[in-house]
C-alpha atoms as a PDB file:
ATOM      1  CA  UNK A   1       0.000   0.000   0.000  1.00  0.00           C
ATOM      2  CA  UNK A   2       2.838   2.361   0.839  1.00  0.00           C
ATOM      3  CA  UNK A   3       4.421   1.840  -2.562  1.00  0.00           C
ATOM      4  CA  UNK A   4       1.081   2.555  -4.245  1.00  0.00           C
ATOM      5  CA  UNK A   5       0.634   5.713  -2.160  1.00  0.00           C
ATOM      6  CA  UNK A   6       4.127   6.930  -3.120  1.00  0.00           C
ATOM      7  CA  UNK A   7       3.365   6.200  -6.758  1.00  0.00           C
ATOM      8  CA  UNK A   8       0.207   8.352  -6.529  1.00  0.00           C
ATOM      9  CA  UNK A   9       2.186  11.204  -4.983  1.00  0.00           C
ATOM     10  CA  UNK A  10       4.796  10.992  -7.743  1.00  0.00           C
ATOM     11  CA  UNK A  11       2.089  10.880 -10.411  1.00  0.00           C
ATOM     12  CA  UNK A  12       0.356  13.919  -8.971  1.00  0.00           C
ATOM     13  CA  UNK A  13       3.682  15.750  -8.809  1.00  0.00           C
ATOM     14  CA  UNK A  14       4.330  14.953 -12.449  1.00  0.00           C
ATOM     15  CA  UNK A  15       0.908  16.305 -13.432  1.00  0.00           C
ATOM     16  CA  UNK A  16       1.508  19.507 -11.449  1.00  0.00           C
ATOM     17  CA  UNK A  17       4.891  20.040 -13.093  1.00  0.00           C
ATOM     18  CA  UNK A  18       3.308  19.494 -16.503  1.00  0.00           C
ATOM     19  CA  UNK A  19       0.533  21.986 -15.736  1.00  0.00           C
ATOM     20  CA  UNK A  20       2.982  24.576 -14.451  1.00  0.00           C
ATOM     21  CA  UNK A  21       5.141  24.091 -17.547  1.00  0.00           C
ATOM     22  CA  UNK A  22       2.106  24.429 -19.811  1.00  0.00           C
ATOM     23  CA  UNK A  23       1.068  27.582 -18.002  1.00  0.00           C
ATOM     24  CA  UNK A  24       4.556  28.955 -18.522  1.00  0.00           C
ATOM     25  CA  UNK A  25       4.366  28.262 -22.250  1.00  0.00           C
ATOM     26  CA  UNK A  26       0.930  29.917 -22.466  1.00  0.00           C
ATOM     27  CA  UNK A  27       2.043  33.019 -20.589  1.00  0.00           C
ATOM     28  CA  UNK A  28       5.091  33.319 -22.819  1.00  0.00           C
ATOM     29  CA  UNK A  29       3.027  32.943 -25.988  1.00  0.00           C
ATOM     30  CA  UNK A  30       2.984  36.078 -28.147  1.00  0.00           C
ATOM     31  CA  UNK A  31      -0.441  37.408 -29.143  1.00  0.00           C
ATOM     32  CA  UNK A  32      -1.585  39.492 -32.115  1.00  0.00           C
ATOM     33  CA  UNK A  33      -4.908  41.222 -31.415  1.00  0.00           C
ATOM     34  CA  UNK A  34      -7.275  42.018 -34.281  1.00  0.00           C
ATOM     35  CA  UNK A  35     -10.874  43.247 -34.345  1.00  0.00           C
ATOM     36  CA  UNK A  36     -13.344  45.078 -36.576  1.00  0.00           C
ATOM     37  CA  UNK A  37     -15.186  44.337 -39.789  1.00  0.00           C
ATOM     38  CA  UNK A  38     -17.201  41.146 -40.210  1.00  0.00           C
ATOM     39  CA  UNK A  39     -16.666  41.522 -43.980  1.00  0.00           C
ATOM     40  CA  UNK A  40     -12.883  41.378 -43.668  1.00  0.00           C
ATOM     41  CA  UNK A  41     -13.071  38.728 -40.937  1.00  0.00           C
ATOM     42  CA  UNK A  42     -13.070  35.651 -43.275  1.00  0.00           C
ATOM     43  CA  UNK A  43      -9.825  36.791 -44.929  1.00  0.00           C
ATOM     44  CA  UNK A  44      -7.994  37.711 -41.733  1.00  0.00           C
ATOM     45  CA  UNK A  45      -9.239  34.583 -39.961  1.00  0.00           C
ATOM     46  CA  UNK A  46      -7.969  32.385 -42.832  1.00  0.00           C
ATOM     47  CA  UNK A  47      -4.588  34.135 -42.685  1.00  0.00           C
ATOM     48  CA  UNK A  48      -4.519  33.769 -38.881  1.00  0.00           C
ATOM     49  CA  UNK A  49      -5.232  30.032 -39.051  1.00  0.00           C
ATOM     50  CA  UNK A  50      -2.474  29.346 -41.585  1.00  0.00           C
ATOM     51  CA  UNK A  51      -0.041  31.641 -39.777  1.00  0.00           C
ATOM     52  CA  UNK A  52      -0.575  29.919 -36.424  1.00  0.00           C
ATOM     53  CA  UNK A  53      -0.006  26.534 -38.054  1.00  0.00           C
ATOM     54  CA  UNK A  54       3.181  27.826 -39.673  1.00  0.00           C
ATOM     55  CA  UNK A  55       4.389  29.179 -36.314  1.00  0.00           C
ATOM     56  CA  UNK A  56       3.456  25.880 -34.591  1.00  0.00           C
ATOM     57  CA  UNK A  57       1.477  27.647 -31.902  1.00  0.00           C
ATOM     58  CA  UNK A  58       4.272  29.985 -30.819  1.00  0.00           C
ATOM     59  CA  UNK A  59       2.131  32.990 -31.751  1.00  0.00           C
ATOM     60  CA  UNK A  60      -1.600  33.271 -31.082  1.00  0.00           C
ATOM     61  CA  UNK A  61      -3.791  35.501 -33.257  1.00  0.00           C
ATOM     62  CA  UNK A  62      -7.203  36.587 -31.972  1.00  0.00           C
ATOM     63  CA  UNK A  63      -9.716  37.936 -34.510  1.00  0.00           C
ATOM     64  CA  UNK A  64     -12.897  39.567 -33.217  1.00  0.00           C
ATOM     65  CA  UNK A  65     -15.978  41.018 -34.911  1.00  0.00           C
ATOM     66  CA  UNK A  66     -17.248  44.364 -33.616  1.00  0.00           C
ATOM     67  CA  UNK A  67     -17.865  46.072 -36.953  1.00  0.00           C
ATOM     68  CA  UNK A  68     -15.515  48.516 -38.680  1.00  0.00           C
ATOM     69  CA  UNK A  69     -16.533  51.379 -36.392  1.00  0.00           C
ATOM     70  CA  UNK A  70     -16.223  49.240 -33.289  1.00  0.00           C
ATOM     71  CA  UNK A  71     -12.828  48.017 -34.442  1.00  0.00           C
ATOM     72  CA  UNK A  72     -11.540  51.546 -35.021  1.00  0.00           C
ATOM     73  CA  UNK A  73     -12.690  52.571 -31.535  1.00  0.00           C
ATOM     74  CA  UNK A  74     -10.529  49.821 -30.032  1.00  0.00           C
ATOM     75  CA  UNK A  75      -7.704  50.509 -32.489  1.00  0.00           C
ATOM     76  CA  UNK A  76      -7.560  54.229 -31.713  1.00  0.00           C
ATOM     77  CA  UNK A  77      -7.488  53.443 -27.989  1.00  0.00           C
ATOM     78  CA  UNK A  78      -4.472  51.233 -28.580  1.00  0.00           C
ATOM     79  CA  UNK A  79      -6.324  48.097 -27.460  1.00  0.00           C
ATOM     80  CA  UNK A  80      -5.632  46.075 -30.621  1.00  0.00           C
ATOM     81  CA  UNK A  81      -2.728  45.758 -33.036  1.00  0.00           C
ATOM     82  CA  UNK A  82      -4.707  45.578 -36.281  1.00  0.00           C
ATOM     83  CA  UNK A  83      -8.147  46.801 -37.342  1.00  0.00           C
ATOM     84  CA  UNK A  84     -10.174  45.039 -40.033  1.00  0.00           C
ATOM     85  CA  UNK A  85     -12.079  47.690 -42.013  1.00  0.00           C
ATOM     86  CA  UNK A  86     -14.619  47.495 -44.826  1.00  0.00           C
ATOM     87  CA  UNK A  87     -14.212  51.217 -45.516  1.00  0.00           C
ATOM     88  CA  UNK A  88     -11.390  53.742 -45.135  1.00  0.00           C
ATOM     89  CA  UNK A  89     -10.775  55.374 -41.775  1.00  0.00           C
ATOM     90  CA  UNK A  90     -12.991  58.429 -41.201  1.00  0.00           C
ATOM     91  CA  UNK A  91     -11.979  61.911 -40.045  1.00  0.00           C
ATOM     92  CA  UNK A  92     -13.360  61.475 -36.514  1.00  0.00           C
ATOM     93  CA  UNK A  93     -11.459  58.189 -36.180  1.00  0.00           C
ATOM     94  CA  UNK A  94      -8.304  59.847 -37.522  1.00  0.00           C
ATOM     95  CA  UNK A  95      -8.679  62.539 -34.865  1.00  0.00           C
ATOM     96  CA  UNK A  96      -9.222  59.941 -32.135  1.00  0.00           C
ATOM     97  CA  UNK A  97      -6.104  58.053 -33.196  1.00  0.00           C
ATOM     98  CA  UNK A  98      -4.083  61.277 -33.316  1.00  0.00           C
ATOM     99  CA  UNK A  99      -5.180  62.276 -29.808  1.00  0.00           C
ATOM    100  CA  UNK A 100      -4.150  58.866 -28.491  1.00  0.00           C
ATOM    101  CA  UNK A 101      -0.827  58.921 -30.359  1.00  0.00           C
ATOM    102  CA  UNK A 102      -1.789  55.945 -32.520  1.00  0.00           C
ATOM    103  CA  UNK A 103      -0.162  56.027 -35.952  1.00  0.00           C
ATOM    104  CA  UNK A 104      -0.984  53.476 -38.605  1.00  0.00           C
ATOM    105  CA  UNK A 105      -0.334  52.039 -42.033  1.00  0.00           C
ATOM    106  CA  UNK A 106      -3.358  51.659 -44.315  1.00  0.00           C
ATOM    107  CA  UNK A 107      -3.224  48.371 -46.231  1.00  0.00           C
ATOM    108  CA  UNK A 108      -5.876  47.409 -48.830  1.00  0.00           C
ATOM    109  CA  UNK A 109      -6.177  43.620 -48.877  1.00  0.00           C
ATOM    110  CA  UNK A 110      -8.971  42.797 -51.336  1.00  0.00           C
ATOM    111  CA  UNK A 111     -12.158  43.874 -53.086  1.00  0.00           C
ATOM    112  CA  UNK A 112     -15.664  43.013 -51.994  1.00  0.00           C
ATOM    113  CA  UNK A 113     -18.873  43.031 -54.011  1.00  0.00           C
ATOM    114  CA  UNK A 114     -21.375  44.178 -51.417  1.00  0.00           C
ATOM    115  CA  UNK A 115     -24.303  41.905 -52.220  1.00  0.00           C
ATOM    116  CA  UNK A 116     -28.009  42.680 -52.082  1.00  0.00           C
ATOM    117  CA  UNK A 117     -29.790  39.404 -51.348  1.00  0.00           C
ATOM    118  CA  UNK A 118     -33.343  38.078 -51.423  1.00  0.00           C
ATOM    119  CA  UNK A 119     -34.999  34.820 -50.454  1.00  0.00           C
ATOM    120  CA  UNK A 120     -34.985  32.177 -53.238  1.00  0.00           C
ATOM    121  CA  UNK A 121     -38.794  32.235 -53.077  1.00  0.00           C
ATOM    122  CA  UNK A 122     -38.753  35.821 -54.329  1.00  0.00           C
ATOM    123  CA  UNK A 123     -39.237  35.647 -58.135  1.00  0.00           C
ATOM    124  CA  UNK A 124     -40.128  39.308 -58.735  1.00  0.00           C
ATOM    125  CA  UNK A 125     -37.171  41.464 -57.644  1.00  0.00           C
ATOM    126  CA  UNK A 126     -34.247  39.517 -59.074  1.00  0.00           C
ATOM    127  CA  UNK A 127     -33.096  42.824 -60.626  1.00  0.00           C
ATOM    128  CA  UNK A 128     -33.371  46.148 -58.800  1.00  0.00           C
ATOM    129  CA  UNK A 129     -32.336  49.641 -59.796  1.00  0.00           C
ATOM    130  CA  UNK A 130     -30.341  51.876 -57.481  1.00  0.00           C
ATOM    131  CA  UNK A 131     -33.397  54.154 -57.382  1.00  0.00           C
ATOM    132  CA  UNK A 132     -35.608  51.268 -56.185  1.00  0.00           C
ATOM    133  CA  UNK A 133     -33.112  50.335 -53.491  1.00  0.00           C
ATOM    134  CA  UNK A 134     -32.952  53.960 -52.400  1.00  0.00           C
ATOM    135  CA  UNK A 135     -36.756  54.121 -52.185  1.00  0.00           C
ATOM    136  CA  UNK A 136     -36.638  51.132 -49.833  1.00  0.00           C
ATOM    137  CA  UNK A 137     -33.759  52.232 -47.616  1.00  0.00           C
ATOM    138  CA  UNK A 138     -33.903  56.042 -47.413  1.00  0.00           C
ATOM    139  CA  UNK A 139     -34.941  57.602 -44.063  1.00  0.00           C
ATOM    140  CA  UNK A 140     -38.232  58.912 -45.504  1.00  0.00           C
ATOM    141  CA  UNK A 141     -39.332  55.317 -46.159  1.00  0.00           C
ATOM    142  CA  UNK A 142     -39.504  54.419 -42.467  1.00  0.00           C
ATOM    143  CA  UNK A 143     -43.004  53.340 -41.509  1.00  0.00           C
ATOM    144  CA  UNK A 144     -44.352  54.377 -44.917  1.00  0.00           C
ATOM    145  CA  UNK A 145     -42.765  52.209 -47.596  1.00  0.00           C
ATOM    146  CA  UNK A 146     -43.390  48.672 -46.382  1.00  0.00           C
ATOM    147  CA  UNK A 147     -44.684  46.677 -49.364  1.00  0.00           C
ATOM    148  CA  UNK A 148     -43.126  45.477 -52.594  1.00  0.00           C
ATOM    149  CA  UNK A 149     -45.793  47.057 -54.814  1.00  0.00           C
ATOM    150  CA  UNK A 150     -44.940  50.472 -53.360  1.00  0.00           C
ATOM    151  CA  UNK A 151     -41.536  50.087 -54.995  1.00  0.00           C
ATOM    152  CA  UNK A 152     -42.749  48.624 -58.277  1.00  0.00           C
ATOM    153  CA  UNK A 153     -46.479  48.228 -59.136  1.00  0.00           C
ATOM    154  CA  UNK A 154     -45.702  44.908 -60.845  1.00  0.00           C
ATOM    155  CA  UNK A 155     -44.465  43.455 -57.568  1.00  0.00           C
ATOM    156  CA  UNK A 156     -46.787  41.785 -55.011  1.00  0.00           C
ATOM    157  CA  UNK A 157     -48.873  43.476 -52.361  1.00  0.00           C
ATOM    158  CA  UNK A 158     -46.824  41.868 -49.598  1.00  0.00           C
ATOM    159  CA  UNK A 159     -44.807  43.372 -46.748  1.00  0.00           C
ATOM    160  CA  UNK A 160     -41.043  43.074 -47.091  1.00  0.00           C
ATOM    161  CA  UNK A 161     -38.713  42.469 -44.145  1.00  0.00           C
ATOM    162  CA  UNK A 162     -35.340  44.221 -44.180  1.00  0.00           C
ATOM    163  CA  UNK A 163     -31.989  43.010 -42.825  1.00  0.00           C
ATOM    164  CA  UNK A 164     -28.870  45.150 -42.824  1.00  0.00           C
ATOM    165  CA  UNK A 165     -25.562  45.879 -41.188  1.00  0.00           C
ATOM    166  CA  UNK A 166     -25.574  47.639 -37.816  1.00  0.00           C
ATOM    167  CA  UNK A 167     -24.556  51.237 -37.215  1.00  0.00           C
ATOM    168  CA  UNK A 168     -20.993  50.273 -36.205  1.00  0.00           C
ATOM    169  CA  UNK A 169     -20.485  48.473 -39.504  1.00  0.00           C
ATOM    170  CA  UNK A 170     -18.439  49.863 -42.382  1.00  0.00           C
ATOM    171  CA  UNK A 171     -20.796  47.950 -44.656  1.00  0.00           C
ATOM    172  CA  UNK A 172     -23.691  50.059 -43.322  1.00  0.00           C
ATOM    173  CA  UNK A 173     -21.681  53.233 -43.967  1.00  0.00           C
ATOM    174  CA  UNK A 174     -20.761  52.209 -47.489  1.00  0.00           C
ATOM    175  CA  UNK A 175     -24.185  50.867 -48.499  1.00  0.00           C
ATOM    176  CA  UNK A 176     -26.069  53.936 -47.301  1.00  0.00           C
ATOM    177  CA  UNK A 177     -23.630  56.289 -49.013  1.00  0.00           C
ATOM    178  CA  UNK A 178     -23.716  54.314 -52.274  1.00  0.00           C
ATOM    179  CA  UNK A 179     -27.485  53.758 -52.377  1.00  0.00           C
ATOM    180  CA  UNK A 180     -29.068  56.572 -50.354  1.00  0.00           C
ATOM    181  CA  UNK A 181     -26.390  59.166 -51.058  1.00  0.00           C
ATOM    182  CA  UNK A 182     -25.214  59.811 -47.496  1.00  0.00           C
ATOM    183  CA  UNK A 183     -23.380  57.556 -45.067  1.00  0.00           C
ATOM    184  CA  UNK A 184     -25.449  56.388 -42.067  1.00  0.00           C
ATOM    185  CA  UNK A 185     -28.585  57.895 -43.657  1.00  0.00           C
ATOM    186  CA  UNK A 186     -31.147  55.108 -43.510  1.00  0.00           C
ATOM    187  CA  UNK A 187     -34.534  54.062 -42.265  1.00  0.00           C
ATOM    188  CA  UNK A 188     -34.271  52.544 -38.816  1.00  0.00           C
ATOM    189  CA  UNK A 189     -37.015  49.915 -38.916  1.00  0.00           C
ATOM    190  CA  UNK A 190     -34.924  46.968 -40.036  1.00  0.00           C
ATOM    191  CA  UNK A 191     -33.174  44.057 -38.351  1.00  0.00           C
ATOM    192  CA  UNK A 192     -29.577  45.193 -37.832  1.00  0.00           C
ATOM    193  CA  UNK A 193     -26.469  43.209 -36.952  1.00  0.00           C
ATOM    194  CA  UNK A 194     -22.687  43.527 -37.252  1.00  0.00           C
ATOM    195  CA  UNK A 195     -22.631  39.762 -37.810  1.00  0.00           C
ATOM    196  CA  UNK A 196     -23.322  38.973 -41.490  1.00  0.00           C
ATOM    197  CA  UNK A 197     -24.370  35.430 -40.622  1.00  0.00           C
ATOM    198  CA  UNK A 198     -27.357  36.811 -38.695  1.00  0.00           C
ATOM    199  CA  UNK A 199     -28.409  38.781 -41.783  1.00  0.00           C
ATOM    200  CA  UNK A 200     -28.039  35.755 -44.053  1.00  0.00           C
ATOM    201  CA  UNK A 201     -30.233  33.672 -41.759  1.00  0.00           C
ATOM    202  CA  UNK A 202     -32.849  36.413 -41.643  1.00  0.00           C
ATOM    203  CA  UNK A 203     -33.179  36.619 -45.428  1.00  0.00           C
ATOM    204  CA  UNK A 204     -33.015  32.830 -45.776  1.00  0.00           C
ATOM    205  CA  UNK A 205     -35.912  32.323 -43.367  1.00  0.00           C
ATOM    206  CA  UNK A 206     -38.306  34.905 -44.824  1.00  0.00           C
ATOM    207  CA  UNK A 207     -39.790  34.793 -48.350  1.00  0.00           C
ATOM    208  CA  UNK A 208     -40.123  38.582 -48.262  1.00  0.00           C
ATOM    209  CA  UNK A 209     -36.670  39.157 -46.808  1.00  0.00           C
ATOM    210  CA  UNK A 210     -34.206  41.624 -48.358  1.00  0.00           C
ATOM    211  CA  UNK A 211     -30.741  42.305 -46.995  1.00  0.00           C
ATOM    212  CA  UNK A 212     -27.171  43.258 -47.811  1.00  0.00           C
ATOM    213  CA  UNK A 213     -23.824  41.816 -46.725  1.00  0.00           C
ATOM    214  CA  UNK A 214     -20.339  40.910 -47.963  1.00  0.00           C
ATOM    215  CA  UNK A 215     -19.957  38.734 -51.069  1.00  0.00           C
ATOM    216  CA  UNK A 216     -18.214  35.906 -49.193  1.00  0.00           C
ATOM    217  CA  UNK A 217     -21.295  35.407 -47.016  1.00  0.00           C
ATOM    218  CA  UNK A 218     -23.487  35.231 -50.124  1.00  0.00           C
ATOM    219  CA  UNK A 219     -21.245  32.661 -51.829  1.00  0.00           C
ATOM    220  CA  UNK A 220     -21.141  30.545 -48.688  1.00  0.00           C
ATOM    221  CA  UNK A 221     -24.953  30.541 -48.577  1.00  0.00           C
ATOM    222  CA  UNK A 222     -25.947  30.418 -52.259  1.00  0.00           C
ATOM    223  CA  UNK A 223     -28.491  27.676 -51.596  1.00  0.00           C
ATOM    224  CA  UNK A 224     -30.183  29.792 -48.955  1.00  0.00           C
ATOM    225  CA  UNK A 225     -30.236  33.264 -50.552  1.00  0.00           C
ATOM    226  CA  UNK A 226     -30.258  34.765 -54.062  1.00  0.00           C
ATOM    227  CA  UNK A 227     -28.158  37.726 -55.238  1.00  0.00           C
ATOM    228  CA  UNK A 228     -29.970  40.665 -56.796  1.00  0.00           C
ATOM    229  CA  UNK A 229     -28.654  42.089 -60.084  1.00  0.00           C
ATOM    230  CA  UNK A 230     -28.084  45.800 -59.409  1.00  0.00           C
ATOM    231  CA  UNK A 231     -28.971  48.236 -62.201  1.00  0.00           C
ATOM    232  CA  UNK A 232     -27.107  51.534 -61.951  1.00  0.00           C
ATOM    233  CA  UNK A 233     -28.317  52.687 -65.366  1.00  0.00           C
ATOM    234  CA  UNK A 234     -26.948  50.134 -67.821  1.00  0.00           C
ATOM    235  CA  UNK A 235     -28.994  47.071 -66.915  1.00  0.00           C
ATOM    236  CA  UNK A 236     -28.799  44.612 -64.043  1.00  0.00           C
ATOM    237  CA  UNK A 237     -25.339  43.352 -63.091  1.00  0.00           C
ATOM    238  CA  UNK A 238     -24.687  40.459 -60.714  1.00  0.00           C
ATOM    239  CA  UNK A 239     -21.701  40.463 -58.352  1.00  0.00           C
ATOM    240  CA  UNK A 240     -18.795  38.352 -59.642  1.00  0.00           C
ATOM    241  CA  UNK A 241     -15.019  38.432 -60.095  1.00  0.00           C
ATOM    242  CA  UNK A 242     -15.477  39.630 -63.669  1.00  0.00           C
ATOM    243  CA  UNK A 243     -17.912  42.451 -62.857  1.00  0.00           C
ATOM    244  CA  UNK A 244     -15.738  43.671 -59.988  1.00  0.00           C
ATOM    245  CA  UNK A 245     -12.576  43.606 -62.099  1.00  0.00           C
ATOM    246  CA  UNK A 246     -14.155  45.384 -65.088  1.00  0.00           C
ATOM    247  CA  UNK A 247     -15.875  47.911 -62.777  1.00  0.00           C
ATOM    248  CA  UNK A 248     -19.416  47.169 -64.011  1.00  0.00           C
ATOM    249  CA  UNK A 249     -20.759  46.094 -60.612  1.00  0.00           C
ATOM    250  CA  UNK A 250     -21.311  49.612 -59.379  1.00  0.00           C
ATOM    251  CA  UNK A 251     -21.743  51.297 -57.024  1.00  0.00           C
ATOM    252  CA  UNK A 252     -21.358  48.326 -54.658  1.00  0.00           C
ATOM    253  CA  UNK A 253     -17.824  47.099 -55.436  1.00  0.00           C
ATOM    254  CA  UNK A 254     -15.418  48.383 -52.798  1.00  0.00           C
ATOM    255  CA  UNK A 255     -11.915  47.943 -51.395  1.00  0.00           C
ATOM    256  CA  UNK A 256     -11.480  46.443 -47.929  1.00  0.00           C
ATOM    257  CA  UNK A 257      -8.536  46.982 -45.586  1.00  0.00           C
ATOM    258  CA  UNK A 258      -6.455  46.231 -42.562  1.00  0.00           C
ATOM    259  CA  UNK A 259      -4.908  49.060 -40.537  1.00  0.00           C
ATOM    260  CA  UNK A 260      -1.758  48.302 -38.570  1.00  0.00           C
ATOM    261  CA  UNK A 261      -0.678  50.231 -35.494  1.00  0.00           C
ATOM    262  CA  UNK A 262       2.912  51.185 -36.329  1.00  0.00           C
ATOM    263  CA  UNK A 263       3.990  50.863 -32.688  1.00  0.00           C
ATOM    264  CA  UNK A 264       2.568  47.328 -32.643  1.00  0.00           C
ATOM    265  CA  UNK A 265       4.495  46.648 -35.841  1.00  0.00           C
ATOM    266  CA  UNK A 266       7.710  46.948 -33.823  1.00  0.00           C
ATOM    267  CA  UNK A 267       6.769  43.672 -32.153  1.00  0.00           C
ATOM    268  CA  UNK A 268       8.195  40.691 -34.085  1.00  0.00           C
ATOM    269  CA  UNK A 269       4.934  38.727 -33.929  1.00  0.00           C
ATOM    270  CA  UNK A 270       2.925  41.545 -35.533  1.00  0.00           C
ATOM    271  CA  UNK A 271       5.525  42.187 -38.216  1.00  0.00           C
ATOM    272  CA  UNK A 272       5.702  38.479 -39.022  1.00  0.00           C
ATOM    273  CA  UNK A 273       1.907  38.257 -39.228  1.00  0.00           C
ATOM    274  CA  UNK A 274       1.588  41.244 -41.587  1.00  0.00           C
ATOM    275  CA  UNK A 275       4.384  39.860 -43.785  1.00  0.00           C
ATOM    276  CA  UNK A 276       2.632  36.487 -43.898  1.00  0.00           C
ATOM    277  CA  UNK A 277      -0.665  38.245 -44.699  1.00  0.00           C
ATOM    278  CA  UNK A 278       0.719  40.064 -47.736  1.00  0.00           C
ATOM    279  CA  UNK A 279       2.616  37.010 -49.028  1.00  0.00           C
ATOM    280  CA  UNK A 280      -0.467  34.792 -48.840  1.00  0.00           C
ATOM    281  CA  UNK A 281      -3.276  37.273 -49.537  1.00  0.00           C
ATOM    282  CA  UNK A 282      -3.581  36.418 -53.234  1.00  0.00           C
ATOM    283  CA  UNK A 283      -4.340  32.764 -52.456  1.00  0.00           C
ATOM    284  CA  UNK A 284      -6.375  33.180 -49.275  1.00  0.00           C
ATOM    285  CA  UNK A 285      -8.535  36.034 -50.577  1.00  0.00           C
ATOM    286  CA  UNK A 286      -9.642  33.754 -53.416  1.00  0.00           C
ATOM    287  CA  UNK A 287     -10.085  30.862 -51.004  1.00  0.00           C
ATOM    288  CA  UNK A 288     -12.660  32.765 -48.937  1.00  0.00           C
ATOM    289  CA  UNK A 289     -14.426  34.022 -52.088  1.00  0.00           C
ATOM    290  CA  UNK A 290     -13.341  37.655 -52.231  1.00  0.00           C
ATOM    291  CA  UNK A 291     -11.452  39.339 -55.057  1.00  0.00           C
ATOM    292  CA  UNK A 292      -7.679  39.762 -54.721  1.00  0.00           C
ATOM    293  CA  UNK A 293      -5.645  42.729 -55.851  1.00  0.00           C
ATOM    294  CA  UNK A 294      -2.949  42.152 -58.496  1.00  0.00           C
ATOM    295  CA  UNK A 295       0.097  40.301 -57.116  1.00  0.00           C
ATOM    296  CA  UNK A 296       2.283  43.360 -57.676  1.00  0.00           C
ATOM    297  CA  UNK A 297      -0.057  45.424 -55.480  1.00  0.00           C
ATOM    298  CA  UNK A 298       0.623  43.259 -52.427  1.00  0.00           C
ATOM    299  CA  UNK A 299       4.371  43.711 -52.970  1.00  0.00           C
ATOM    300  CA  UNK A 300       3.942  47.482 -53.157  1.00  0.00           C
ATOM    301  CA  UNK A 301       1.692  47.573 -50.083  1.00  0.00           C
ATOM    302  CA  UNK A 302       4.281  45.582 -48.138  1.00  0.00           C
ATOM    303  CA  UNK A 303       6.935  48.094 -49.201  1.00  0.00           C
ATOM    304  CA  UNK A 304       4.756  50.878 -47.803  1.00  0.00           C
ATOM    305  CA  UNK A 305       4.533  48.963 -44.531  1.00  0.00           C
ATOM    306  CA  UNK A 306       8.295  48.413 -44.361  1.00  0.00           C
ATOM    307  CA  UNK A 307       8.924  52.106 -45.088  1.00  0.00           C
ATOM    308  CA  UNK A 308       6.379  53.087 -42.417  1.00  0.00           C
ATOM    309  CA  UNK A 309       4.239  55.008 -44.871  1.00  0.00           C
ATOM    310  CA  UNK A 310       1.764  56.374 -42.353  1.00  0.00           C
ATOM    311  CA  UNK A 311      -1.753  57.662 -42.827  1.00  0.00           C
ATOM    312  CA  UNK A 312      -4.450  57.290 -45.453  1.00  0.00           C
ATOM    313  CA  UNK A 313      -4.897  58.186 -49.117  1.00  0.00           C
ATOM    314  CA  UNK A 314      -8.626  58.814 -48.557  1.00  0.00           C
ATOM    315  CA  UNK A 315      -8.415  61.914 -46.362  1.00  0.00           C
ATOM    316  CA  UNK A 316     -11.041  60.572 -43.986  1.00  0.00           C
ATOM    317  CA  UNK A 317     -13.673  60.352 -46.719  1.00  0.00           C
ATOM    318  CA  UNK A 318     -15.115  57.159 -48.197  1.00  0.00           C
ATOM    319  CA  UNK A 319     -15.207  57.069 -52.000  1.00  0.00           C
ATOM    320  CA  UNK A 320     -18.081  55.214 -53.662  1.00  0.00           C
ATOM    321  CA  UNK A 321     -17.574  53.280 -56.889  1.00  0.00           C
ATOM    322  CA  UNK A 322     -13.771  53.179 -56.777  1.00  0.00           C
ATOM    323  CA  UNK A 323     -12.411  50.642 -59.277  1.00  0.00           C
ATOM    324  CA  UNK A 324      -9.380  48.465 -58.575  1.00  0.00           C
ATOM    325  CA  UNK A 325      -7.261  50.485 -61.017  1.00  0.00           C
ATOM    326  CA  UNK A 326      -8.329  53.751 -59.370  1.00  0.00           C
ATOM    327  CA  UNK A 327      -7.500  52.349 -55.947  1.00  0.00           C
ATOM    328  CA  UNK A 328      -4.008  51.402 -57.088  1.00  0.00           C
ATOM    329  CA  UNK A 329      -3.473  54.870 -58.556  1.00  0.00           C
ATOM    330  CA  UNK A 330      -4.335  56.361 -55.195  1.00  0.00           C
ATOM    331  CA  UNK A 331      -1.947  53.973 -53.500  1.00  0.00           C
ATOM    332  CA  UNK A 332       0.836  55.147 -55.792  1.00  0.00           C
ATOM    333  CA  UNK A 333       0.550  58.718 -54.523  1.00  0.00           C
ATOM    334  CA  UNK A 334       3.615  59.970 -52.725  1.00  0.00           C
ATOM    335  CA  UNK A 335       1.684  62.084 -50.275  1.00  0.00           C
ATOM    336  CA  UNK A 336      -0.539  60.462 -47.679  1.00  0.00           C
ATOM    337  CA  UNK A 337      -2.858  62.332 -45.352  1.00  0.00           C
ATOM    338  CA  UNK A 338      -1.005  61.693 -42.108  1.00  0.00           C
ATOM    339  CA  UNK A 339      -2.779  60.955 -38.896  1.00  0.00           C
END
């Protein structure tokens, strides 16, 4: 019995040593903190997964979803290393970062085709004009425009149900500016969420549902929702790689970004992650069903990061309908608007 008792003590000691050692490894583990856009999330999460595998667990990358606005709030308080953003940084956010001494590098990572989606049971509004979308979403429509036939007399006398990005979302900012004409200008009687999956499920479960979210979420749920062809004056155009690249899917094609705190970039784990991101973006952006920039663009963007090219080329203002070629021309400018 004594020998057995001693064996138990030794076993317990071994377990304690192992736990203490494991705790030591965990506490020594480097962490890269990222938050922000749900649209950019699939790309950054894919990069994070591959990066952590490549580093064999030595570096942990956390990727949260609080919306572009929510991400910038944390970023400008210095709480995270990288912000995912589905629109450029705005003037108020630039001011907040400046006050807190947070400087950053703006890094476009891909293009998104912001997708207007309907339930597959909807056979009448497969194509919608920008004017029709505006009539649905503008502030004046709240409580007044509630049925399909109020938008188009040929459509049914049935009440539609709207699903859209929440107020902290860059997607909400971009959609309202592109469709209504002013960012954050929208009716308020719709189901809002910063989580695109919630919006997808809403549209998928309601025959009269209409919503908007990032292209990757549409592709992932093609059997549940149907993309609307958007007519900006030249006929309906569906979101696709071709229509984004040839700039015909307008005004809903847009660049998406990461912003890197330059002080965080001094940490080896953050620098290694950003380097890995740019080297693998071309492949991983395609993998999660977004549209990559040209390979040469990622090289140039990485050079900007290495040279600590601070600030933004957008001056705190979001630009609607910017083509890939126009984005790259902006990126080639020598003068950035510094934060």
